[in-house]
Amino acid sequence: MPELSPDFDSQDHGLVHEHLVYTGRPEDVNPEPSDVASGYQSVAFLLVFSAGLKSAYLKPGRLTSQLLGEIDLQILSKVQAQYPGVHIDNEVVEPSAEQITKYKELVAKTSNLENIKFAWHKETSSEYQNKMVAKKELQKWDFIHMIQMLYYVKDIPDTLKFFHSLLATNAKILIVLVSGTSGWDKLWKKYGSRLPRDDLCQYVTSSDLTQMLDNLGIKYECYDLLSTMDISDCFIDGNENGDLLWDFLTETCNFSTTAPPDLKAQIMIDLQQPEFSVKKEGKILFNNSLSFIVVEA
């Protein structure tokens, strides 16, 4: 699998990661979001978000719309710069009223958006899908992004099939989620059955997703963004930051104080193993790699 950014360390596994998706790609990755505007007087973008931020750390798949709004505006700015005068319809699917408000506030204070029409749909991707199917209004889109949100979809293959059907000629979908080579994959496979989680969250990685796309006969390209996350504080008793990291890693509130001691001890041992993390300059760096998948029309 092609790789990006061979040595990237960051605790900001939100905006930084997604920014690198758009700025750190090698030249052979085709196309960039701006490519869809070539030869058009107008283009249509559909941006499908997950639920909003629910903890002190950004969960895999829980980027706020404010952060994603910043990324969207970067994309839109690039399209505008490369294709001056092109009209852009930019529609957002987001279930959180709070996140939509933050997104709108960001748009309101951003200049040079004259040729962009924004619209927001306060609903989940499934609700949007059901509404469109019921109305038989399957609008075509030139670019769709589904960044860190497929963990929260009950029927992922059906969702992929539906949004793929919305692509116009030469259009693309950008999907971002944790890599099948990441520490998340190992953690979920080994301990997922022992960790409490709600029914809305699925343990899915790029390996699972590409298999689904293969089964659907959908063409795609997959690239890995290599990154690590410093989890050293997890190994310091009573460290507040470490406790939050434990919550983040396990998707469990107050994991440090509520988990069975043997479970925490086992995970603590594994997190220091090479398949989960690397040790560098006295730090324990968790393999936090992401994949982005460009789906073809």
Protein backbone atom coordinates (compact mmCIF):
# COMPACT_ATOMS: atom_id res chain seq x y z
CA MET A 1 0.00 0.00 0.00
CA PRO A 2 1.39 3.47 -0.88
CA GLU A 3 2.34 5.54 2.14
CA LEU A 4 2.35 9.21 3.08
CA SER A 5 4.47 11.17 5.52
CA PRO A 6 6.92 8.42 6.53
CA ASP A 7 7.76 9.84 9.95
CA PHE A 8 4.96 11.92 11.39
CA ASP A 9 4.41 12.17 15.16
CA SER A 10 1.38 13.97 16.51
CA GLN A 11 -1.13 13.93 19.33
CA ASP A 12 -3.48 16.01 17.21
CA HIS A 13 -5.09 13.10 15.40
CA GLY A 14 -7.78 15.44 14.10
CA LEU A 15 -7.12 18.54 12.07
CA VAL A 16 -3.42 17.80 11.54
CA HIS A 17 -4.11 14.37 10.09
CA GLU A 18 -6.83 15.57 7.80
CA HIS A 19 -4.80 18.57 6.70
CA LEU A 20 -1.99 16.22 5.69
CA VAL A 21 -4.44 14.18 3.69
CA TYR A 22 -4.81 17.13 1.39
CA THR A 23 -1.33 18.63 1.50
CA GLY A 24 0.97 15.67 2.03
CA ARG A 25 -0.08 13.43 -0.81
CA PRO A 26 2.50 12.21 -3.33
CA GLU A 27 2.21 13.37 -6.93
CA ASP A 28 0.96 10.00 -8.19
CA VAL A 29 -2.25 10.22 -6.17
CA ASN A 30 -4.98 11.14 -8.62
CA PRO A 31 -7.14 13.10 -8.40
CA GLU A 32 -7.14 15.95 -5.91
CA PRO A 33 -10.54 17.42 -5.00
CA SER A 34 -9.88 20.37 -7.31
CA ASP A 35 -9.59 18.01 -10.30
CA VAL A 36 -13.34 17.45 -10.35
CA ALA A 37 -13.91 21.11 -11.27
CA SER A 38 -11.93 20.95 -14.51
CA GLY A 39 -14.13 21.89 -17.45
CA TYR A 40 -17.20 22.73 -15.34
CA GLN A 41 -19.03 25.98 -14.70
CA SER A 42 -20.31 24.59 -11.41
CA VAL A 43 -19.51 21.67 -9.11
CA ALA A 44 -21.35 20.04 -6.20
CA PHE A 45 -19.71 18.84 -2.97
CA LEU A 46 -21.46 16.66 -0.38
CA LEU A 47 -19.76 16.43 3.02
CA VAL A 48 -20.96 13.65 5.32
CA PHE A 49 -19.99 14.00 8.98
CA SER A 50 -20.24 11.81 12.07
CA ALA A 51 -21.48 12.75 15.52
CA GLY A 52 -19.82 15.62 17.34
CA LEU A 53 -17.03 15.60 19.89
CA LYS A 54 -18.01 13.77 23.08
CA SER A 55 -14.84 13.65 25.13
CA ALA A 56 -11.68 15.55 25.93
CA TYR A 57 -9.93 13.66 23.13
CA LEU A 58 -10.93 13.28 19.50
CA LYS A 59 -12.15 9.74 19.13
CA PRO A 60 -11.41 7.89 15.90
CA GLY A 61 -14.29 9.13 13.81
CA ARG A 62 -15.31 11.99 16.09
CA LEU A 63 -13.96 15.09 14.43
CA THR A 64 -15.99 18.20 15.16
CA SER A 65 -17.67 19.99 12.29
CA GLN A 66 -15.68 23.08 13.21
CA LEU A 67 -12.43 21.26 12.50
CA LEU A 68 -13.83 19.64 9.39
CA GLY A 69 -15.25 23.00 8.36
CA GLU A 70 -11.73 24.39 8.35
CA ILE A 71 -10.63 21.53 6.11
CA ASP A 72 -13.61 22.02 3.82
CA LEU A 73 -12.75 25.69 3.42
CA GLN A 74 -9.17 24.75 2.55
CA ILE A 75 -10.48 22.45 -0.18
CA LEU A 76 -12.91 25.06 -1.46
CA SER A 77 -10.21 27.71 -1.50
CA LYS A 78 -8.00 25.44 -3.58
CA VAL A 79 -10.79 24.81 -6.08
CA GLN A 80 -11.51 28.53 -6.32
CA ALA A 81 -7.85 29.36 -6.87
CA GLN A 82 -7.42 26.78 -9.61
CA TYR A 83 -10.77 27.42 -11.29
CA PRO A 84 -11.76 31.08 -10.75
CA GLY A 85 -15.45 31.79 -11.24
CA VAL A 86 -16.63 28.20 -10.83
CA HIS A 87 -19.82 28.05 -8.76
CA ILE A 88 -19.73 25.51 -5.93
CA ASP A 89 -22.72 23.96 -4.17
CA ASN A 90 -21.42 22.75 -0.79
CA GLU A 91 -23.88 20.71 1.26
CA VAL A 92 -23.21 19.25 4.70
CA VAL A 93 -24.84 16.25 6.41
CA GLU A 94 -24.34 16.56 10.20
CA PRO A 95 -26.65 15.31 13.00
CA SER A 96 -25.46 17.78 15.65
CA ALA A 97 -27.13 21.19 15.77
CA GLU A 98 -24.22 22.49 17.84
CA GLN A 99 -21.66 21.45 15.25
CA ILE A 100 -23.71 22.94 12.42
CA THR A 101 -23.81 26.24 14.31
CA LYS A 102 -20.03 26.20 14.72
CA TYR A 103 -19.59 25.39 11.04
CA LYS A 104 -21.89 28.31 10.08
CA GLU A 105 -19.97 30.67 12.36
CA LEU A 106 -16.75 29.66 10.66
CA VAL A 107 -18.25 30.31 7.23
CA ALA A 108 -19.61 33.69 8.38
CA LYS A 109 -16.15 34.96 9.33
CA THR A 110 -14.38 33.63 6.26
CA SER A 111 -13.88 35.90 3.24
CA ASN A 112 -13.89 35.15 -0.49
CA LEU A 113 -16.77 32.68 -0.46
CA GLU A 114 -18.91 34.59 -2.96
CA ASN A 115 -19.20 31.74 -5.48
CA ILE A 116 -20.04 29.10 -2.88
CA LYS A 117 -23.56 28.20 -1.81
CA PHE A 118 -23.73 26.41 1.56
CA ALA A 119 -26.53 24.19 2.82
CA TRP A 120 -26.74 22.07 5.97
CA HIS A 121 -28.80 18.96 6.66
CA LYS A 122 -29.28 18.22 10.36
CA GLU A 123 -29.42 14.44 10.10
CA THR A 124 -27.30 11.32 10.13
CA SER A 125 -26.04 9.80 6.91
CA SER A 126 -28.68 7.07 7.24
CA GLU A 127 -31.46 9.62 7.70
CA TYR A 128 -30.20 11.56 4.69
CA GLN A 129 -30.08 8.35 2.64
CA ASN A 130 -33.62 7.32 3.62
CA LYS A 131 -34.95 10.79 2.85
CA MET A 132 -33.36 10.92 -0.58
CA VAL A 133 -34.55 7.42 -1.48
CA ALA A 134 -38.11 8.20 -0.31
CA LYS A 135 -38.20 11.43 -2.32
CA LYS A 136 -36.50 9.77 -5.28
CA GLU A 137 -34.22 12.82 -5.41
CA LEU A 138 -30.86 11.21 -6.07
CA GLN A 139 -28.87 14.35 -6.81
CA LYS A 140 -25.47 13.73 -8.37
CA TRP A 141 -22.32 15.06 -6.70
CA ASP A 142 -18.84 15.81 -8.03
CA PHE A 143 -17.05 15.23 -4.73
CA ILE A 144 -18.17 13.53 -1.51
CA HIS A 145 -16.07 13.20 1.61
CA MET A 146 -16.75 10.79 4.47
CA ILE A 147 -13.98 11.60 6.92
CA GLN A 148 -13.78 9.48 10.09
CA MET A 149 -17.50 8.71 10.19
CA LEU A 150 -18.07 5.17 8.93
CA TYR A 151 -17.50 3.77 12.43
CA TYR A 152 -20.95 5.12 13.27
CA VAL A 153 -22.91 3.63 10.36
CA LYS A 154 -24.87 0.45 11.04
CA ASP A 155 -24.80 -0.93 7.49
CA ILE A 156 -21.51 0.17 5.94
CA PRO A 157 -21.79 -1.74 2.61
CA ASP A 158 -25.26 -0.30 2.01
CA THR A 159 -24.00 3.18 2.84
CA LEU A 160 -21.07 2.81 0.45
CA LYS A 161 -23.34 1.55 -2.31
CA PHE A 162 -25.79 4.43 -1.84
CA PHE A 163 -23.27 7.26 -1.81
CA HIS A 164 -21.37 5.71 -4.71
CA SER A 165 -24.62 5.85 -6.69
CA LEU A 166 -24.67 9.63 -6.15
CA LEU A 167 -21.38 10.23 -7.97
CA ALA A 168 -21.48 12.17 -11.22
CA THR A 169 -19.22 11.26 -14.13
CA ASN A 170 -15.55 11.39 -13.06
CA ALA A 171 -16.58 12.22 -9.49
CA LYS A 172 -14.81 10.89 -6.37
CA ILE A 173 -15.49 9.97 -2.76
CA LEU A 174 -12.78 10.53 -0.15
CA ILE A 175 -13.01 8.19 2.85
CA VAL A 176 -10.70 8.52 5.85
CA LEU A 177 -10.49 6.04 8.73
CA VAL A 178 -7.91 4.18 10.78
CA SER A 179 -5.49 1.97 8.89
CA GLY A 180 -5.59 -1.82 9.00
CA THR A 181 -1.87 -1.63 9.86
CA SER A 182 -2.45 0.64 12.88
CA GLY A 183 -2.36 -0.18 16.56
CA TRP A 184 -6.12 0.37 16.58
CA ASP A 185 -6.59 -2.72 14.41
CA LYS A 186 -4.61 -4.87 16.83
CA LEU A 187 -6.26 -3.37 19.90
CA TRP A 188 -9.80 -3.82 18.60
CA LYS A 189 -9.25 -7.36 17.36
CA LYS A 190 -7.70 -8.56 20.60
CA TYR A 191 -9.76 -6.67 23.17
CA GLY A 192 -12.87 -5.41 21.37
CA SER A 193 -15.11 -8.12 22.83
CA ARG A 194 -14.02 -7.17 26.35
CA LEU A 195 -14.49 -3.43 25.99
CA PRO A 196 -17.91 -1.84 26.56
CA ARG A 197 -19.24 0.15 23.65
CA ASP A 198 -22.58 1.38 22.37
CA ASP A 199 -24.29 -0.11 19.34
CA LEU A 200 -23.50 2.92 17.20
CA CYS A 201 -19.75 2.32 17.12
CA GLN A 202 -18.17 -0.31 14.91
CA TYR A 203 -14.56 -1.45 15.01
CA VAL A 204 -13.78 -1.00 11.32
CA THR A 205 -10.44 -0.26 9.64
CA SER A 206 -9.30 0.35 6.08
CA SER A 207 -8.70 -3.38 5.64
CA ASP A 208 -12.35 -4.08 6.38
CA LEU A 209 -13.49 -1.25 4.15
CA THR A 210 -11.43 -2.20 1.12
CA GLN A 211 -12.80 -5.74 1.38
CA MET A 212 -16.32 -4.31 1.33
CA LEU A 213 -15.49 -2.20 -1.72
CA ASP A 214 -14.03 -5.24 -3.47
CA ASN A 215 -17.20 -7.21 -2.73
CA LEU A 216 -19.28 -4.37 -4.20
CA GLY A 217 -17.09 -4.18 -7.29
CA ILE A 218 -16.27 -0.52 -6.63
CA LYS A 219 -12.95 0.85 -7.85
CA TYR A 220 -10.73 2.72 -5.40
CA GLU A 221 -7.17 3.67 -4.45
CA CYS A 222 -5.97 3.36 -0.84
CA TYR A 223 -3.09 5.25 0.74
CA ASP A 224 -1.71 5.13 4.28
CA LEU A 225 -0.84 8.18 6.32
CA LEU A 226 1.75 7.06 8.84
CA SER A 227 1.57 8.73 12.25
CA THR A 228 2.10 8.04 15.92
CA MET A 229 0.54 9.27 19.15
CA ASP A 230 2.46 9.72 22.39
CA ILE A 231 0.75 7.55 25.03
CA SER A 232 3.57 7.69 27.60
CA ASP A 233 1.26 9.25 30.20
CA CYS A 234 -0.85 6.07 30.21
CA PHE A 235 1.89 4.41 32.21
CA ILE A 236 1.99 7.03 34.98
CA ASP A 237 -0.45 6.25 37.81
CA GLY A 238 -2.84 9.08 38.55
CA ASN A 239 -1.81 11.14 35.51
CA GLU A 240 -4.86 13.08 34.32
CA ASN A 241 -3.75 13.16 30.71
CA GLY A 242 -3.00 9.45 30.89
CA ASP A 243 -6.50 8.71 32.20
CA LEU A 244 -8.01 10.62 29.27
CA LEU A 245 -5.80 8.70 26.87
CA TRP A 246 -7.05 5.43 28.37
CA ASP A 247 -10.63 6.58 27.76
CA PHE A 248 -9.70 7.46 24.21
CA LEU A 249 -7.90 4.21 23.44
CA THR A 250 -10.65 2.00 24.86
CA GLU A 251 -13.73 4.12 23.97
CA THR A 252 -14.66 3.76 27.65
CA CYS A 253 -15.43 6.58 30.08
CA ASN A 254 -13.28 6.44 33.23
CA PHE A 255 -11.57 3.26 32.05
CA SER A 256 -8.66 3.63 34.48
CA THR A 257 -10.92 3.54 37.52
CA THR A 258 -13.64 1.16 36.32
CA ALA A 259 -11.84 -1.48 34.24
CA PRO A 260 -10.98 -4.88 35.73
CA PRO A 261 -7.35 -4.61 36.90
CA ASP A 262 -6.30 -7.67 34.91
CA LEU A 263 -7.72 -6.23 31.69
CA LYS A 264 -5.93 -2.92 32.11
CA ALA A 265 -2.69 -4.73 32.99
CA GLN A 266 -2.89 -6.89 29.86
CA ILE A 267 -3.57 -3.92 27.59
CA MET A 268 -0.78 -1.96 29.25
CA ILE A 269 1.68 -4.74 28.43
CA ASP A 270 0.49 -5.01 24.82
CA LEU A 271 0.60 -1.27 24.21
CA GLN A 272 4.36 -1.43 24.69
CA GLN A 273 4.81 -4.20 22.12
CA PRO A 274 6.18 -3.45 18.61
CA GLU A 275 2.92 -4.34 16.86
CA PHE A 276 1.17 -1.59 18.84
CA SER A 277 3.79 1.08 19.49
CA VAL A 278 7.40 2.12 19.11
CA LYS A 279 9.70 3.43 21.83
CA LYS A 280 11.61 6.55 20.88
CA GLU A 281 13.58 9.00 23.03
CA GLY A 282 11.94 7.68 26.18
CA LYS A 283 8.42 7.97 24.78
CA ILE A 284 5.90 5.28 23.87
CA LEU A 285 4.40 6.17 20.51
CA PHE A 286 1.20 4.36 19.55
CA ASN A 287 0.74 3.45 15.87
CA ASN A 288 -2.04 5.87 14.99
CA SER A 289 -1.84 5.49 11.20
CA LEU A 290 -4.81 6.46 9.03
CA SER A 291 -5.82 5.46 5.54
CA PHE A 292 -7.54 7.55 2.95
CA ILE A 293 -9.42 5.83 0.20
CA VAL A 294 -10.31 7.58 -3.06
CA VAL A 295 -13.39 5.89 -4.54
CA GLU A 296 -13.98 6.16 -8.28
CA ALA A 297 -17.35 6.82 -9.93
